[in-house]
Amino acid sequence: MTNRKLGFVSFEPINDKFRGYLSMGVALGSDKEPEILLQKSIKIYENALKKMASIISEIKNSRANRTPISARKIWQLGNVIFKLRDELEKIGLEIDGIYDHLHRDLEVKRKWLEKVIILRRYLPDIKLIPESLSWGRCEKSTRRKAERLRSGLPIE
C-alpha cells in the first residue's frame, strides 16, 4: 500500500455495462487523461465483477444442492475483491463505497460481504484454510476463527 492519496471512482450500471464517475479532484487534478483513467477503471471493475459473479454462482449452486460451501471458496471471493482494490490503487483510484457497489451489483447482502472480506483480511494465504473446512463453521465470529487459523490453531 502506498502513502499517496487515492482519488475516488464510482460506477453506475447502464444496461449490461457500467459508467464510471471520477471525483472532481481526480478529474481536474490528475496528470492522467480522465477519460483513459475512467475506461481503465471500468474495465478493471467489470472484469472483477465477472469473476465474483462466477464464484457466487458456484456458492449458490452449492446451497441449492445442500452441499457445504468451502471456506476456501469464500476466501477466493474475498481475494478477488482484494485484487480489485489493488488494481484500482495502481492507477491511483479507490471505489467510493465499495460495499454499496458490490451489494448492488452482485445482489448479495452487505453483512455477508463484510464477513467475506474479514476472512480474506485475516487469512492472507488460502493454504491456511483446511480443505475440508466449511464456510458454515467460519461464518459466525469470522475474525476470531480466521485469527485462530492464521495462528495454526483449530477452530472450535
Protein backbone atom coordinates (compact mmCIF):
# COMPACT_ATOMS: atom_id res chain seq x y z
CA MET A 1 0.00 0.00 0.00
CA THR A 2 1.28 3.42 -0.89
CA ASN A 3 1.06 6.66 1.05
CA ARG A 4 -0.24 8.67 -1.87
CA LYS A 5 -3.79 9.90 -1.75
CA LEU A 6 -6.16 7.90 -3.90
CA GLY A 7 -8.93 9.51 -5.89
CA PHE A 8 -12.48 8.24 -5.79
CA VAL A 9 -14.27 6.47 -8.60
CA SER A 10 -17.83 5.19 -8.64
CA PHE A 11 -19.75 3.09 -11.12
CA GLU A 12 -23.37 3.02 -12.21
CA PRO A 13 -24.89 0.12 -14.13
CA ILE A 14 -26.17 1.06 -17.59
CA ASN A 15 -27.74 -1.95 -19.33
CA ASP A 16 -25.04 -4.65 -19.15
CA LYS A 17 -22.15 -2.20 -18.84
CA PHE A 18 -21.02 0.42 -16.35
CA ARG A 19 -20.49 4.14 -16.48
CA GLY A 20 -17.72 5.50 -14.31
CA TYR A 21 -17.53 8.78 -12.44
CA LEU A 22 -14.39 10.37 -11.07
CA SER A 23 -14.27 12.74 -8.14
CA MET A 24 -13.66 16.35 -9.17
CA GLY A 25 -10.20 16.31 -7.59
CA VAL A 26 -9.15 13.44 -9.83
CA ALA A 27 -10.85 14.79 -12.94
CA LEU A 28 -9.25 18.22 -12.59
CA GLY A 29 -6.02 17.49 -10.77
CA SER A 30 -4.75 14.30 -12.34
CA ASP A 31 -1.78 14.28 -14.67
CA LYS A 32 -3.52 11.41 -16.47
CA GLU A 33 -6.26 11.86 -19.04
CA PRO A 34 -9.56 11.44 -17.11
CA GLU A 35 -11.31 9.55 -19.91
CA ILE A 36 -8.49 7.00 -20.17
CA LEU A 37 -8.47 6.62 -16.39
CA LEU A 38 -12.23 6.03 -16.41
CA GLN A 39 -12.03 3.43 -19.16
CA LYS A 40 -9.27 1.54 -17.32
CA SER A 41 -11.21 1.62 -14.05
CA ILE A 42 -14.42 0.42 -15.72
CA LYS A 43 -12.58 -2.49 -17.33
CA ILE A 44 -10.98 -3.44 -14.01
CA TYR A 45 -14.35 -3.29 -12.23
CA GLU A 46 -16.24 -5.26 -14.89
CA ASN A 47 -13.59 -8.00 -15.03
CA ALA A 48 -13.60 -8.34 -11.24
CA LEU A 49 -17.41 -8.47 -11.18
CA LYS A 50 -17.41 -11.31 -13.72
CA LYS A 51 -15.01 -13.32 -11.57
CA MET A 52 -17.00 -12.60 -8.41
CA ALA A 53 -20.31 -13.46 -10.09
CA SER A 54 -18.88 -16.79 -11.20
CA ILE A 55 -17.77 -17.65 -7.66
CA ILE A 56 -21.12 -16.53 -6.22
CA SER A 57 -22.90 -18.72 -8.78
CA GLU A 58 -20.89 -21.72 -7.54
CA ILE A 59 -21.79 -20.82 -3.95
CA LYS A 60 -25.49 -20.57 -4.83
CA ASN A 61 -25.34 -23.93 -6.61
CA SER A 62 -23.82 -25.50 -3.51
CA ARG A 63 -26.60 -24.03 -1.39
CA ALA A 64 -29.26 -25.26 -3.83
CA ASN A 65 -27.75 -28.75 -3.78
CA ARG A 66 -27.44 -28.61 0.00
CA THR A 67 -23.72 -29.26 -0.12
CA PRO A 68 -21.39 -27.47 2.30
CA ILE A 69 -19.76 -24.32 0.97
CA SER A 70 -16.00 -24.48 1.22
CA ALA A 71 -14.37 -21.76 3.32
CA ARG A 72 -11.73 -21.69 0.60
CA LYS A 73 -14.38 -20.69 -1.95
CA ILE A 74 -15.37 -17.75 0.25
CA TRP A 75 -11.70 -16.82 0.62
CA GLN A 76 -11.35 -16.84 -3.18
CA LEU A 77 -14.23 -14.38 -3.46
CA GLY A 78 -12.59 -12.13 -0.90
CA ASN A 79 -9.31 -12.40 -2.76
CA VAL A 80 -10.94 -11.13 -5.98
CA ILE A 81 -12.18 -8.11 -4.01
CA PHE A 82 -8.66 -7.51 -2.69
CA LYS A 83 -7.26 -7.77 -6.23
CA LEU A 84 -9.90 -5.29 -7.44
CA ARG A 85 -8.79 -2.79 -4.81
CA ASP A 86 -5.12 -3.38 -5.67
CA GLU A 87 -5.67 -2.94 -9.42
CA LEU A 88 -7.54 0.32 -8.91
CA GLU A 89 -4.90 1.53 -6.48
CA LYS A 90 -2.24 1.01 -9.16
CA ILE A 91 -3.96 3.67 -11.27
CA GLY A 92 -4.49 5.94 -8.27
CA LEU A 93 -8.15 5.18 -7.56
CA GLU A 94 -10.41 3.57 -4.98
CA ILE A 95 -14.11 2.84 -5.16
CA ASP A 96 -16.26 5.32 -3.29
CA GLY A 97 -18.39 2.93 -1.20
CA ILE A 98 -17.11 -0.48 -2.29
CA TYR A 99 -19.59 -2.41 -0.12
CA ASP A 100 -22.51 -0.45 -1.57
CA HIS A 101 -21.29 -1.10 -5.12
CA LEU A 102 -20.78 -4.83 -4.59
CA HIS A 103 -24.06 -5.22 -2.69
CA ARG A 104 -25.89 -3.60 -5.61
CA ASP A 105 -24.02 -5.24 -8.48
CA LEU A 106 -23.66 -8.76 -7.08
CA GLU A 107 -27.04 -8.80 -5.32
CA VAL A 108 -25.63 -10.15 -2.08
CA LYS A 109 -26.09 -8.92 1.46
CA ARG A 110 -23.68 -6.30 2.71
CA LYS A 111 -23.16 -8.07 6.06
CA TRP A 112 -22.20 -11.25 4.23
CA LEU A 113 -19.70 -9.30 2.10
CA GLU A 114 -18.18 -7.86 5.24
CA LYS A 115 -17.59 -11.38 6.57
CA VAL A 116 -16.04 -12.43 3.25
CA ILE A 117 -13.61 -9.52 3.50
CA ILE A 118 -12.83 -10.29 7.14
CA LEU A 119 -11.95 -13.89 6.29
CA ARG A 120 -9.63 -12.77 3.49
CA ARG A 121 -8.10 -9.90 5.51
CA TYR A 122 -7.08 -12.13 8.43
CA LEU A 123 -6.01 -15.07 6.28
CA PRO A 124 -3.53 -13.81 3.70
CA ASP A 125 -2.94 -17.28 2.22
CA ILE A 126 -5.58 -19.81 1.19
CA LYS A 127 -3.28 -22.60 2.38
CA LEU A 128 -4.07 -21.59 5.96
CA ILE A 129 -7.61 -22.90 5.45
CA PRO A 130 -8.08 -26.67 5.71
CA GLU A 131 -9.61 -28.04 2.51
CA SER A 132 -12.35 -29.75 4.48
CA LEU A 133 -13.41 -26.61 6.38
CA SER A 134 -16.89 -25.40 5.51
CA TRP A 135 -17.93 -21.76 5.49
CA GLY A 136 -20.68 -22.58 7.97
CA ARG A 137 -18.02 -23.22 10.62
CA CYS A 138 -16.45 -19.78 9.98
CA GLU A 139 -19.45 -17.57 9.28
CA LYS A 140 -20.13 -16.66 12.90
CA SER A 141 -17.22 -14.97 14.71
CA THR A 142 -15.36 -14.87 11.40
CA ARG A 143 -12.49 -12.71 12.61
CA ARG A 144 -11.80 -14.79 15.71
CA LYS A 145 -11.86 -18.02 13.73
CA ALA A 146 -9.64 -16.58 10.99
CA GLU A 147 -7.14 -15.42 13.60
CA ARG A 148 -7.08 -18.93 15.11
CA LEU A 149 -6.45 -20.46 11.70
CA ARG A 150 -3.70 -17.95 10.98
CA SER A 151 -2.05 -18.93 14.28
CA GLY A 152 -2.24 -22.60 13.33
CA LEU A 153 -4.92 -23.36 15.92
CA PRO A 154 -8.06 -25.36 15.17
CA ILE A 155 -11.38 -23.56 15.31
CA GLU A 156 -13.96 -24.65 17.83
